[in-house]
């Protein structure tokens, strides 16, 4: 069972309980303008280029059979239109200015790496988390990883945008102990504009996930100028109350880590706003908590 992984992060403390290993899968159906993992958008491998690292040696020019790289004086030019992401340029680059995002792996290998920290999971109450990208875009691969993890008695968590086939989500939940579910925008038109997708499927899938009884943590990114307003905070509270298995609400302030990666991918990262301050986040937390109709912890993450 093969899939495409763009990062495997050990010793994570922010993607589920305890100390965890997070498996980041390639491919996402959304195009959120504030995304901090744009290298996870496409299912296939991609080349990231950091101009600051380039030393102008021309090794990539010699290595690339497609002719994507050239030098104009000391200036490196990367024509992505002909790039097939073979990775030859990245292998040849001595300065690591070029690197490949994405690696084909089998589920057995992923679990072998995950289980290296089994004792840490036992001691901390941690486990493995599937993230992305979007695990629902590699449903069979994701399910196989989760199944093998459960067979090894490792706690499992899935982080999802919820935008995928409902049958695929429910299949994953058969081997999932905890679900981290994104809630990005309350206004339907704004959701479509800023993420490139309608929110109805996401809400339908959230309801179906809630019906399984699996504990859900609602994850809510807060981005100044896009969704930091009282109407959205009330929408968060109402959505959480409508799903009985929601156990916590996590408010996540925007950070700018995705902007640099977007530049390295040749993308035009639309959002270049500010990081919300502690006062703005506390106002959001208080507004959500006040609007809740049942007791649900609201945390700033």
Protein backbone atom coordinates (compact mmCIF):
# COMPACT_ATOMS: atom_id res chain seq x y z
CA UNK A 1 0.00 0.00 0.00
CA UNK A 2 1.83 3.06 -1.31
CA UNK A 3 1.22 6.73 -0.56
CA UNK A 4 2.98 10.07 -0.81
CA UNK A 5 4.33 11.63 2.40
CA UNK A 6 5.94 15.08 2.52
CA UNK A 7 7.03 15.08 6.15
CA UNK A 8 7.18 12.81 9.16
CA UNK A 9 7.50 14.83 12.35
CA UNK A 10 8.54 13.10 15.55
CA UNK A 11 8.06 14.46 19.09
CA UNK A 12 5.12 16.73 18.23
CA UNK A 13 3.21 18.21 21.18
CA UNK A 14 0.50 20.08 19.27
CA UNK A 15 -1.29 17.49 17.14
CA UNK A 16 -3.11 15.41 19.71
CA UNK A 17 -2.56 14.24 23.29
CA UNK A 18 0.91 13.36 24.56
CA UNK A 19 4.02 13.11 22.41
CA UNK A 20 3.15 12.16 18.85
CA UNK A 21 4.53 11.35 15.43
CA UNK A 22 2.71 13.28 12.72
CA UNK A 23 2.53 11.86 9.20
CA UNK A 24 1.93 14.67 6.68
CA UNK A 25 0.30 13.35 3.50
CA UNK A 26 0.47 15.03 0.09
CA UNK A 27 -2.64 16.36 -1.60
CA UNK A 28 -5.34 18.79 -0.49
CA UNK A 29 -8.60 19.81 -2.22
CA UNK A 30 -8.63 23.25 -0.56
CA UNK A 31 -6.55 26.31 -1.39
CA UNK A 32 -6.75 28.34 1.81
CA UNK A 33 -4.98 31.63 1.26
CA UNK A 34 -3.37 31.47 4.72
CA UNK A 35 -2.15 27.87 4.37
CA UNK A 36 1.02 27.07 6.33
CA UNK A 37 1.69 23.82 4.41
CA UNK A 38 1.31 24.75 0.71
CA UNK A 39 3.81 22.01 -0.16
CA UNK A 40 1.00 19.62 0.75
CA UNK A 41 -1.43 20.91 -1.88
CA UNK A 42 -0.45 18.67 -4.79
CA UNK A 43 -0.46 14.87 -4.60
CA UNK A 44 2.74 14.51 -6.59
CA UNK A 45 6.29 15.51 -5.67
CA UNK A 46 7.24 19.18 -6.01
CA UNK A 47 10.49 21.14 -6.11
CA UNK A 48 11.08 23.94 -3.62
CA UNK A 49 13.70 26.54 -4.51
CA UNK A 50 15.31 28.89 -1.97
CA UNK A 51 17.03 31.75 -3.77
CA UNK A 52 18.87 32.77 -0.59
CA UNK A 53 20.73 29.45 -0.53
CA UNK A 54 21.70 29.39 -4.21
CA UNK A 55 25.45 29.83 -4.84
CA UNK A 56 25.15 29.99 -8.64
CA UNK A 57 27.29 26.90 -9.25
CA UNK A 58 25.20 25.62 -12.18
CA UNK A 59 25.10 21.99 -11.01
CA UNK A 60 21.31 21.97 -11.38
CA UNK A 61 21.63 23.18 -14.98
CA UNK A 62 23.78 20.17 -15.81
CA UNK A 63 21.57 17.72 -13.92
CA UNK A 64 18.17 18.74 -15.32
CA UNK A 65 17.30 16.87 -18.52
CA UNK A 66 14.20 19.04 -19.02
CA UNK A 67 16.17 22.28 -19.26
CA UNK A 68 14.26 23.93 -16.42
CA UNK A 69 17.30 25.59 -14.86
CA UNK A 70 19.57 28.24 -16.33
CA UNK A 71 21.96 30.95 -15.18
CA UNK A 72 21.93 34.54 -16.34
CA UNK A 73 25.22 35.79 -15.01
CA UNK A 74 24.99 34.80 -11.37
CA UNK A 75 21.18 34.80 -11.35
CA UNK A 76 19.48 31.42 -11.23
CA UNK A 77 16.32 31.05 -13.35
CA UNK A 78 13.88 28.18 -12.68
CA UNK A 79 11.25 27.54 -15.37
CA UNK A 80 8.63 25.46 -13.55
CA UNK A 81 6.48 25.01 -16.65
CA UNK A 82 8.70 22.18 -17.88
CA UNK A 83 9.53 20.67 -14.47
CA UNK A 84 8.53 17.02 -13.95
CA UNK A 85 9.71 16.98 -10.30
CA UNK A 86 12.21 14.20 -10.96
CA UNK A 87 14.46 15.55 -8.20
CA UNK A 88 17.71 15.37 -10.19
CA UNK A 89 18.39 19.06 -9.57
CA UNK A 90 17.87 18.71 -5.82
CA UNK A 91 20.25 15.76 -5.66
CA UNK A 92 22.90 17.75 -7.53
CA UNK A 93 22.55 20.98 -5.54
CA UNK A 94 25.44 21.26 -3.01
CA UNK A 95 23.85 24.21 -1.19
CA UNK A 96 20.44 22.53 -0.74
CA UNK A 97 18.79 25.48 -2.45
CA UNK A 98 16.60 22.93 -4.24
CA UNK A 99 14.71 20.19 -2.43
CA UNK A 100 11.91 17.75 -3.14
CA UNK A 101 8.64 17.83 -1.24
CA UNK A 102 7.07 14.39 -1.23
CA UNK A 103 8.28 10.81 -1.07
CA UNK A 104 6.49 7.62 -2.06
CA UNK A 105 6.37 5.30 0.94
CA UNK A 106 4.53 2.12 1.85
CA UNK A 107 2.39 1.85 4.96
CA UNK A 108 4.67 -0.76 6.49
CA UNK A 109 7.64 1.61 6.30
CA UNK A 110 5.62 4.46 7.81
CA UNK A 111 4.60 2.27 10.75
CA UNK A 112 8.16 1.07 11.19
CA UNK A 113 9.22 4.71 11.66
CA UNK A 114 6.24 5.53 13.87
CA UNK A 115 6.84 2.58 16.18
CA UNK A 116 10.39 3.68 16.97
CA UNK A 117 8.82 5.91 19.63
CA UNK A 118 6.30 3.40 20.97
CA UNK A 119 7.61 3.66 24.55
CA UNK A 120 7.32 7.46 24.45
CA UNK A 121 3.68 7.12 23.40
CA UNK A 122 3.02 4.77 26.30
CA UNK A 123 4.65 7.09 28.83
CA UNK A 124 3.06 10.31 27.53
CA UNK A 125 -0.32 9.09 26.30
CA UNK A 126 0.68 9.96 22.75
CA UNK A 127 0.51 8.18 19.42
CA UNK A 128 0.36 8.80 15.69
CA UNK A 129 -1.50 11.60 13.89
CA UNK A 130 -2.34 11.74 10.19
CA UNK A 131 -2.31 15.24 8.78
CA UNK A 132 -1.52 16.95 5.51
CA UNK A 133 -2.38 18.07 3.02
CA UNK A 134 -5.54 16.08 3.53
CA UNK A 135 -5.65 12.40 4.61
CA UNK A 136 -8.98 11.99 2.79
CA UNK A 137 -7.21 12.42 -0.56
CA UNK A 138 -5.21 9.24 0.14
CA UNK A 139 -7.99 7.28 1.85
CA UNK A 140 -6.73 3.71 1.34
CA UNK A 141 -3.19 4.59 2.38
CA UNK A 142 -4.45 6.55 5.39
CA UNK A 143 -6.73 3.72 6.45
CA UNK A 144 -3.91 1.19 6.20
CA UNK A 145 -1.63 3.28 8.41
CA UNK A 146 -4.37 3.72 11.01
CA UNK A 147 -5.29 0.03 10.90
CA UNK A 148 -1.69 -1.04 11.45
CA UNK A 149 -1.30 1.49 14.26
CA UNK A 150 -4.36 0.16 16.06
CA UNK A 151 -3.10 -3.40 15.63
CA UNK A 152 0.09 -2.21 17.35
CA UNK A 153 -2.04 -0.65 20.13
CA UNK A 154 -0.96 2.90 19.27
CA UNK A 155 -3.37 5.81 19.83
CA UNK A 156 -4.54 7.32 16.52
CA UNK A 157 -5.64 10.81 15.58
CA UNK A 158 -6.71 12.25 12.21
CA UNK A 159 -6.47 15.94 11.32
CA UNK A 160 -8.83 16.79 8.47
CA UNK A 161 -10.45 19.68 6.67
CA UNK A 162 -13.50 17.46 6.29
CA UNK A 163 -13.66 18.10 2.55
CA UNK A 164 -13.75 14.63 1.04
CA UNK A 165 -15.97 11.64 0.43
CA UNK A 166 -18.04 10.78 3.48
CA UNK A 167 -17.53 7.06 2.98
CA UNK A 168 -13.76 7.61 3.08
CA UNK A 169 -14.01 9.62 6.30
CA UNK A 170 -16.15 6.97 7.99
CA UNK A 171 -13.73 4.24 6.85
CA UNK A 172 -10.86 6.10 8.53
CA UNK A 173 -12.85 6.61 11.69
CA UNK A 174 -13.11 2.84 12.13
CA UNK A 175 -9.47 3.00 13.25
CA UNK A 176 -9.40 6.50 14.78
CA UNK A 177 -9.40 7.36 18.48
CA UNK A 178 -9.58 11.15 18.12
CA UNK A 179 -10.65 13.46 15.30
CA UNK A 180 -9.25 16.96 14.79
CA UNK A 181 -11.72 18.73 12.51
CA UNK A 182 -11.19 22.14 10.89
CA UNK A 183 -13.82 24.85 11.01
CA UNK A 184 -12.49 27.74 8.98
CA UNK A 185 -15.24 30.21 8.07
CA UNK A 186 -18.90 30.68 8.94
CA UNK A 187 -19.98 32.83 6.00
CA UNK A 188 -20.56 30.54 2.97
CA UNK A 189 -19.43 33.10 0.38
CA UNK A 190 -16.27 33.91 2.32
CA UNK A 191 -15.55 30.20 2.73
CA UNK A 192 -15.73 29.67 -1.02
CA UNK A 193 -13.64 32.76 -1.75
CA UNK A 194 -10.84 32.09 0.74
CA UNK A 195 -10.62 28.28 0.54
CA UNK A 196 -11.82 27.56 -3.00
CA UNK A 197 -14.50 25.14 -1.72
CA UNK A 198 -18.06 25.26 -0.42
CA UNK A 199 -18.63 24.44 3.22
CA UNK A 200 -21.78 22.25 2.97
CA UNK A 201 -19.87 19.00 2.46
CA UNK A 202 -17.61 19.84 5.39
CA UNK A 203 -20.57 20.39 7.71
CA UNK A 204 -22.34 17.24 6.48
CA UNK A 205 -19.22 15.19 7.12
CA UNK A 206 -18.79 16.74 10.56
CA UNK A 207 -22.33 15.71 11.44
CA UNK A 208 -21.70 12.15 10.20
CA UNK A 209 -18.45 11.97 12.17
CA UNK A 210 -20.27 13.18 15.27
CA UNK A 211 -22.84 10.42 14.89
CA UNK A 212 -20.08 7.81 15.31
CA UNK A 213 -19.41 9.05 18.85
CA UNK A 214 -15.68 9.48 18.26
CA UNK A 215 -14.34 12.46 20.26
CA UNK A 216 -13.95 15.55 18.08
CA UNK A 217 -11.76 18.60 18.61
CA UNK A 218 -12.92 21.55 16.53
CA UNK A 219 -9.86 23.40 15.19
CA UNK A 220 -10.44 27.00 14.17
CA UNK A 221 -7.70 29.04 12.48
CA UNK A 222 -8.12 32.76 13.15
CA UNK A 223 -6.81 35.14 10.50
CA UNK A 224 -7.02 38.94 10.90
CA UNK A 225 -9.05 40.57 8.16
CA UNK A 226 -10.62 37.27 7.11
CA UNK A 227 -12.52 35.64 9.96
CA UNK A 228 -11.75 37.42 13.24
CA UNK A 229 -15.23 38.77 13.84
CA UNK A 230 -18.03 38.12 16.34
CA UNK A 231 -20.33 36.46 13.80
CA UNK A 232 -17.69 33.81 13.09
CA UNK A 233 -17.03 33.24 16.79
CA UNK A 234 -20.74 32.66 17.34
CA UNK A 235 -20.72 30.32 14.33
CA UNK A 236 -17.93 28.31 15.95
CA UNK A 237 -19.95 27.95 19.14
CA UNK A 238 -23.15 26.96 17.35
CA UNK A 239 -21.36 24.40 15.19
CA UNK A 240 -19.65 22.85 18.22
CA UNK A 241 -22.92 22.62 20.13
CA UNK A 242 -24.65 20.96 17.18
CA UNK A 243 -22.23 18.03 17.30
CA UNK A 244 -22.54 16.14 20.57
CA UNK A 245 -19.13 14.50 20.37
CA UNK A 246 -17.19 17.80 20.20
CA UNK A 247 -15.00 17.72 23.32
CA UNK A 248 -12.85 20.82 22.84
CA UNK A 249 -12.50 23.91 20.66
CA UNK A 250 -8.99 25.00 19.68
CA UNK A 251 -8.49 28.55 18.44
CA UNK A 252 -5.33 28.74 16.34
CA UNK A 253 -3.78 32.16 15.61
CA UNK A 254 -2.45 32.66 12.10
CA UNK A 255 1.30 32.36 11.67
CA UNK A 256 3.36 33.28 8.64
CA UNK A 257 5.43 30.10 8.18
CA UNK A 258 3.61 29.24 4.97
CA UNK A 259 4.59 32.46 3.21
CA UNK A 260 8.23 31.48 2.73
CA UNK A 261 7.31 28.01 1.51
CA UNK A 262 4.84 29.48 -0.98
CA UNK A 263 7.62 31.61 -2.45
CA UNK A 264 9.87 28.54 -2.72
CA UNK A 265 7.09 26.77 -4.63
CA UNK A 266 6.63 29.67 -7.01
CA UNK A 267 3.14 30.36 -5.62
CA UNK A 268 1.58 33.73 -5.05
CA UNK A 269 0.61 33.53 -1.40
CA UNK A 270 -2.41 35.83 -1.25
CA UNK A 271 -2.48 36.50 2.48
CA UNK A 272 0.27 38.64 3.97
CA UNK A 273 -1.43 39.90 7.08
CA UNK A 274 -0.40 40.19 10.68
CA UNK A 275 -0.29 37.61 13.42
CA UNK A 276 -3.14 38.23 15.91
CA UNK A 277 -2.01 39.47 19.32
CA UNK A 278 -2.88 37.89 22.66
CA UNK A 279 -5.64 40.42 23.33
CA UNK A 280 -7.40 39.63 20.06
CA UNK A 281 -7.16 35.92 20.73
CA UNK A 282 -8.55 36.30 24.25
CA UNK A 283 -11.48 38.32 22.91
CA UNK A 284 -12.18 35.52 20.46
CA UNK A 285 -11.97 32.89 23.19
CA UNK A 286 -14.34 34.79 25.49
CA UNK A 287 -16.85 35.38 22.69
CA UNK A 288 -16.90 31.72 21.68
CA UNK A 289 -17.16 30.56 25.31
CA UNK A 290 -20.03 32.95 26.05
CA UNK A 291 -21.99 31.79 23.00
CA UNK A 292 -21.77 28.09 23.90
CA UNK A 293 -24.97 26.38 25.03
CA UNK A 294 -23.12 23.56 26.78
CA UNK A 295 -19.81 23.26 28.55
CA UNK A 296 -16.97 22.83 26.05
CA UNK A 297 -13.40 23.91 26.85
CA UNK A 298 -12.16 26.67 24.52
CA UNK A 299 -8.37 26.83 24.25
CA UNK A 300 -5.93 29.12 22.45
CA UNK A 301 -3.31 26.91 20.82
